[in-house]
């Protein structure tokens, strides 16, 4: 058999390279809950992250005046967070998607009706996304979407909120929808919302949940991972603490993650990468795993 022409070999290698890059996992990080974690622009400049979730909008719904809380970074009561607009744009210029995370582990939020969900969606669109408002908390930057980190309140009407936000995205710039459910399947709070098929990325919290988080020698993690890959969503991410101090349980050392955990799940059709909580606790963890994610 005659040797293949050099041009053909080069073409095949190029195609393989493109395919390997397109299937490479990504890293999502939460930023905003510790004033000592560095700026948003510095976070994006590390080169470790493809998604940054600005955390949190913990007060909204049921007629409450929505209020963002970015810990020690800025004071929203004096419009002190509008300066983040240039940093958001800097991140986006690097190809990083910047999301607003609503909810969180502590806050005052819940939706009282489908109408309430529509009002919250309108507020989010006008104040953080592609709409207009005279009092945008983060300035004129247009965020890429909304992250549902719903860990309290009720489990009602989150599916309505997802539909309203998705419909707003049809008016212009797409509104990406992401979620951070707990790993017990299905998630109590956003399980119904995730069945809408509208969520692009789902970073499942495989920590502070011993029954389904990774533990060497058990199969419960892989079973939970398979369950989560059955939902009608774009990509599923493995959510982990960025250090042992970032959560009560669930931290996986980088070496074990790259040699044991990721090889077991990267073949999943919906595998998207790794989500880390949070930027403050990420002292090199993301940089040590990014080439293997």
Protein backbone atom coordinates (compact mmCIF):
# COMPACT_ATOMS: atom_id res chain seq x y z
CA UNK A 1 0.00 0.00 0.00
CA UNK A 2 1.37 3.40 -0.94
CA UNK A 3 2.05 5.84 1.93
CA UNK A 4 -0.62 8.49 2.48
CA UNK A 5 0.20 11.90 1.03
CA UNK A 6 1.59 14.39 3.54
CA UNK A 7 -1.29 16.79 2.92
CA UNK A 8 -3.83 14.11 3.81
CA UNK A 9 -1.99 13.26 7.03
CA UNK A 10 -1.84 16.92 7.96
CA UNK A 11 -5.58 17.28 7.32
CA UNK A 12 -6.42 14.28 9.51
CA UNK A 13 -4.22 15.56 12.33
CA UNK A 14 -5.82 19.00 12.08
CA UNK A 15 -9.32 17.50 12.27
CA UNK A 16 -8.31 15.42 15.31
CA UNK A 17 -6.90 18.53 16.98
CA UNK A 18 -10.08 20.49 16.38
CA UNK A 19 -12.23 17.66 17.69
CA UNK A 20 -10.11 17.25 20.81
CA UNK A 21 -10.30 20.98 21.51
CA UNK A 22 -14.07 21.12 20.93
CA UNK A 23 -14.61 18.29 23.40
CA UNK A 24 -12.30 19.71 26.05
CA UNK A 25 -13.93 20.45 29.37
CA UNK A 26 -14.23 23.92 30.85
CA UNK A 27 -14.01 25.38 34.34
CA UNK A 28 -16.67 27.54 35.98
CA UNK A 29 -15.98 29.56 39.14
CA UNK A 30 -18.09 31.52 41.61
CA UNK A 31 -16.86 35.00 42.46
CA UNK A 32 -18.28 37.67 44.76
CA UNK A 33 -18.60 36.31 48.28
CA UNK A 34 -15.24 37.34 49.73
CA UNK A 35 -13.64 40.74 49.40
CA UNK A 36 -10.18 39.19 49.68
CA UNK A 37 -10.47 37.01 46.58
CA UNK A 38 -9.20 39.64 44.16
CA UNK A 39 -11.11 41.59 41.55
CA UNK A 40 -13.34 40.19 38.84
CA UNK A 41 -10.85 41.34 36.20
CA UNK A 42 -8.02 39.56 37.99
CA UNK A 43 -10.12 36.42 38.21
CA UNK A 44 -10.67 36.40 34.47
CA UNK A 45 -7.03 37.24 33.76
CA UNK A 46 -5.86 33.97 35.34
CA UNK A 47 -6.76 32.09 32.18
CA UNK A 48 -8.22 29.24 34.23
CA UNK A 49 -11.94 29.90 33.81
CA UNK A 50 -14.43 29.91 30.96
CA UNK A 51 -17.42 30.84 33.13
CA UNK A 52 -17.66 33.24 36.08
CA UNK A 53 -20.80 33.29 38.20
CA UNK A 54 -21.20 36.61 40.02
CA UNK A 55 -22.64 35.68 43.41
CA UNK A 56 -25.25 36.56 44.52
CA UNK A 57 -28.61 38.23 44.02
CA UNK A 58 -30.02 36.78 47.27
CA UNK A 59 -33.08 39.00 47.68
CA UNK A 60 -35.92 38.94 45.15
CA UNK A 61 -39.43 37.68 44.57
CA UNK A 62 -42.73 37.95 46.44
CA UNK A 63 -42.78 41.73 46.07
CA UNK A 64 -39.36 42.32 47.63
CA UNK A 65 -37.03 44.96 46.21
CA UNK A 66 -34.25 42.91 44.56
CA UNK A 67 -30.80 43.51 46.06
CA UNK A 68 -27.41 42.18 45.05
CA UNK A 69 -24.81 41.23 47.68
CA UNK A 70 -21.16 41.03 46.69
CA UNK A 71 -19.75 40.85 50.21
CA UNK A 72 -16.76 43.19 50.58
CA UNK A 73 -16.35 44.00 46.90
CA UNK A 74 -18.74 46.93 46.65
CA UNK A 75 -21.77 48.58 48.24
CA UNK A 76 -24.91 48.28 46.10
CA UNK A 77 -26.81 50.64 48.42
CA UNK A 78 -24.68 53.53 47.14
CA UNK A 79 -24.51 52.28 43.53
CA UNK A 80 -20.96 51.24 44.34
CA UNK A 81 -21.05 48.14 42.13
CA UNK A 82 -21.55 49.91 38.81
CA UNK A 83 -17.77 50.08 38.41
CA UNK A 84 -17.78 46.35 37.75
CA UNK A 85 -19.15 47.04 34.28
CA UNK A 86 -15.70 47.52 32.75
CA UNK A 87 -14.41 44.38 34.44
CA UNK A 88 -17.34 42.34 33.13
CA UNK A 89 -16.62 43.59 29.63
CA UNK A 90 -12.95 42.73 30.07
CA UNK A 91 -13.89 39.16 30.97
CA UNK A 92 -16.26 38.85 28.04
CA UNK A 93 -13.59 40.18 25.67
CA UNK A 94 -11.54 37.13 26.67
CA UNK A 95 -14.41 34.83 25.67
CA UNK A 96 -15.50 34.21 29.26
CA UNK A 97 -19.23 34.00 29.93
CA UNK A 98 -20.26 36.05 32.97
CA UNK A 99 -23.46 35.04 34.71
CA UNK A 100 -25.51 36.54 37.53
CA UNK A 101 -26.12 33.87 40.17
CA UNK A 102 -29.45 34.26 41.92
CA UNK A 103 -30.28 32.66 45.26
CA UNK A 104 -27.43 31.14 47.24
CA UNK A 105 -27.23 29.27 50.51
CA UNK A 106 -28.49 32.23 52.53
CA UNK A 107 -30.99 34.80 51.38
CA UNK A 108 -34.57 35.93 51.17
CA UNK A 109 -36.00 34.68 47.93
CA UNK A 110 -38.91 32.73 46.56
CA UNK A 111 -41.48 33.04 43.81
CA UNK A 112 -45.10 33.36 44.87
CA UNK A 113 -46.73 32.83 41.47
CA UNK A 114 -46.15 32.60 37.74
CA UNK A 115 -46.86 36.33 37.59
CA UNK A 116 -44.18 36.91 40.21
CA UNK A 117 -41.75 34.87 38.11
CA UNK A 118 -42.55 37.07 35.13
CA UNK A 119 -41.88 40.22 37.16
CA UNK A 120 -38.54 38.87 38.39
CA UNK A 121 -37.59 37.92 34.82
CA UNK A 122 -38.43 41.43 33.64
CA UNK A 123 -36.31 42.91 36.43
CA UNK A 124 -33.35 40.68 35.56
CA UNK A 125 -33.67 41.47 31.86
CA UNK A 126 -33.81 45.22 32.36
CA UNK A 127 -31.18 45.49 35.08
CA UNK A 128 -28.56 42.87 34.20
CA UNK A 129 -29.25 41.56 30.69
CA UNK A 130 -30.26 43.10 27.37
CA UNK A 131 -32.98 45.44 28.60
CA UNK A 132 -32.70 49.01 29.84
CA UNK A 133 -33.03 50.61 33.25
CA UNK A 134 -31.87 53.82 34.88
CA UNK A 135 -30.49 51.92 37.85
CA UNK A 136 -28.51 48.92 36.64
CA UNK A 137 -26.62 47.60 39.72
CA UNK A 138 -23.56 46.48 37.72
CA UNK A 139 -23.60 49.32 35.22
CA UNK A 140 -24.24 49.06 31.49
CA UNK A 141 -22.48 45.74 30.91
CA UNK A 142 -24.80 43.06 29.54
CA UNK A 143 -24.31 39.78 31.37
CA UNK A 144 -24.45 36.51 29.45
CA UNK A 145 -27.18 34.91 31.52
CA UNK A 146 -28.59 33.83 34.85
CA UNK A 147 -27.44 31.05 37.17
CA UNK A 148 -30.08 29.37 39.35
CA UNK A 149 -28.40 28.54 42.68
CA UNK A 150 -31.67 27.86 44.46
CA UNK A 151 -31.12 26.30 47.88
CA UNK A 152 -34.09 27.64 49.84
CA UNK A 153 -37.60 28.99 49.66
CA UNK A 154 -39.97 26.77 47.70
CA UNK A 155 -39.67 24.63 44.59
CA UNK A 156 -42.44 26.48 42.74
CA UNK A 157 -42.35 28.61 39.58
CA UNK A 158 -38.62 28.29 38.80
CA UNK A 159 -39.64 26.64 35.54
CA UNK A 160 -41.73 29.71 34.74
CA UNK A 161 -38.79 31.99 35.48
CA UNK A 162 -36.61 29.94 33.12
CA UNK A 163 -39.19 30.21 30.34
CA UNK A 164 -39.62 33.96 30.72
CA UNK A 165 -35.86 34.56 30.73
CA UNK A 166 -35.38 32.32 27.70
CA UNK A 167 -38.08 34.21 25.82
CA UNK A 168 -36.38 37.53 26.58
CA UNK A 169 -33.26 36.11 24.98
CA UNK A 170 -35.13 35.71 21.72
CA UNK A 171 -35.33 39.50 21.46
CA UNK A 172 -31.61 39.87 20.89
CA UNK A 173 -28.58 38.51 22.73
CA UNK A 174 -29.14 34.94 23.92
CA UNK A 175 -29.76 34.54 27.65
CA UNK A 176 -27.79 31.54 28.86
CA UNK A 177 -29.39 29.62 31.69
CA UNK A 178 -27.32 27.66 34.18
CA UNK A 179 -28.08 25.95 37.48
CA UNK A 180 -26.28 24.57 40.52
CA UNK A 181 -28.47 21.79 41.94
CA UNK A 182 -27.43 19.51 44.80
CA UNK A 183 -26.34 16.05 43.66
CA UNK A 184 -29.21 14.03 45.23
CA UNK A 185 -31.36 13.34 42.17
CA UNK A 186 -33.69 14.94 41.29
CA UNK A 187 -32.99 18.28 42.95
CA UNK A 188 -35.85 19.37 45.19
CA UNK A 189 -35.78 23.05 44.26
CA UNK A 190 -34.98 23.20 40.53
CA UNK A 191 -35.72 19.65 39.42
CA UNK A 192 -38.88 20.72 37.58
CA UNK A 193 -37.18 23.72 35.99
CA UNK A 194 -34.41 21.51 34.63
CA UNK A 195 -37.00 19.42 32.82
CA UNK A 196 -37.87 22.40 30.59
CA UNK A 197 -34.85 21.68 28.41
CA UNK A 198 -33.88 25.36 28.55
CA UNK A 199 -30.70 25.09 30.62
CA UNK A 200 -27.41 25.29 28.78
CA UNK A 201 -25.08 24.31 31.62
CA UNK A 202 -25.79 22.52 34.88
CA UNK A 203 -23.01 22.45 37.49
CA UNK A 204 -24.09 19.86 40.03
CA UNK A 205 -22.89 20.33 43.61
CA UNK A 206 -21.13 17.04 44.36
CA UNK A 207 -20.11 18.31 47.80
CA UNK A 208 -21.73 18.64 51.21
CA UNK A 209 -23.78 15.66 50.01
CA UNK A 210 -22.09 12.43 51.22
CA UNK A 211 -24.70 10.07 49.68
CA UNK A 212 -23.77 11.09 46.13
CA UNK A 213 -20.43 12.91 46.21
CA UNK A 214 -17.24 11.14 45.13
CA UNK A 215 -15.75 8.67 47.56
CA UNK A 216 -13.09 6.16 46.57
CA UNK A 217 -14.33 2.60 46.50
CA UNK A 218 -18.03 3.38 46.18
CA UNK A 219 -20.34 3.51 43.16
CA UNK A 220 -22.86 6.07 44.40
CA UNK A 221 -21.07 8.95 42.68
CA UNK A 222 -21.06 7.34 39.25
CA UNK A 223 -24.71 6.37 39.64
CA UNK A 224 -25.62 9.96 40.51
CA UNK A 225 -23.54 11.23 37.59
CA UNK A 226 -25.50 8.98 35.22
CA UNK A 227 -28.77 10.27 36.67
CA UNK A 228 -27.76 13.87 36.06
CA UNK A 229 -26.73 13.10 32.50
CA UNK A 230 -30.30 11.98 31.80
CA UNK A 231 -31.80 15.46 32.12
CA UNK A 232 -32.61 17.52 29.00
CA UNK A 233 -29.79 20.04 29.45
CA UNK A 234 -26.79 21.07 27.38
CA UNK A 235 -23.74 20.16 29.47
CA UNK A 236 -23.30 18.72 32.95
CA UNK A 237 -20.41 19.91 35.13
CA UNK A 238 -18.86 18.27 38.16
CA UNK A 239 -19.20 20.79 41.01
CA UNK A 240 -16.43 20.62 43.64
CA UNK A 241 -14.92 22.72 46.44
CA UNK A 242 -11.74 24.49 45.35
CA UNK A 243 -10.06 23.57 48.66
CA UNK A 244 -10.76 21.45 51.74
CA UNK A 245 -11.88 24.62 53.54
CA UNK A 246 -14.39 25.60 50.85
CA UNK A 247 -17.00 23.04 51.95
CA UNK A 248 -17.72 20.63 54.76
CA UNK A 249 -17.18 17.52 52.62
CA UNK A 250 -16.53 16.60 49.02
CA UNK A 251 -13.07 17.99 48.29
CA UNK A 252 -11.12 15.81 45.86
CA UNK A 253 -7.31 16.28 45.67
CA UNK A 254 -6.18 17.38 42.20
CA UNK A 255 -4.19 14.23 41.55
CA UNK A 256 -7.10 11.98 42.43
CA UNK A 257 -9.49 14.08 40.36
CA UNK A 258 -7.37 13.89 37.22
CA UNK A 259 -6.35 10.23 37.58
CA UNK A 260 -9.52 8.64 38.96
CA UNK A 261 -12.62 10.82 38.73
CA UNK A 262 -12.40 12.66 35.42
CA UNK A 263 -11.41 9.58 33.37
CA UNK A 264 -14.60 7.90 34.64
CA UNK A 265 -16.93 10.68 33.50
CA UNK A 266 -15.30 12.50 30.58
CA UNK A 267 -16.73 10.01 28.13
CA UNK A 268 -20.27 11.12 28.98
CA UNK A 269 -22.01 12.74 26.03
CA UNK A 270 -23.03 15.74 28.14
CA UNK A 271 -19.77 16.17 30.06
CA UNK A 272 -18.97 19.88 30.25
CA UNK A 273 -16.18 20.26 32.78
CA UNK A 274 -15.74 21.25 36.40
CA UNK A 275 -17.35 23.94 38.53
CA UNK A 276 -15.48 25.22 41.58
CA UNK A 277 -16.64 26.96 44.74
CA UNK A 278 -15.15 29.49 44.93
CA UNK A 279 -12.54 31.97 43.70
CA UNK A 280 -11.42 32.86 47.23
CA UNK A 281 -10.53 29.23 47.96
CA UNK A 282 -8.93 28.56 44.59
CA UNK A 283 -5.25 28.88 45.40
CA UNK A 284 -3.89 27.01 42.43
CA UNK A 285 -6.39 24.14 42.26
CA UNK A 286 -7.89 25.24 38.94
CA UNK A 287 -4.49 25.81 37.35
CA UNK A 288 -3.38 22.32 38.40
CA UNK A 289 -6.36 20.62 36.75
CA UNK A 290 -7.21 22.80 33.76
CA UNK A 291 -5.15 20.83 31.26
CA UNK A 292 -6.90 17.61 32.28
CA UNK A 293 -10.48 18.88 32.49
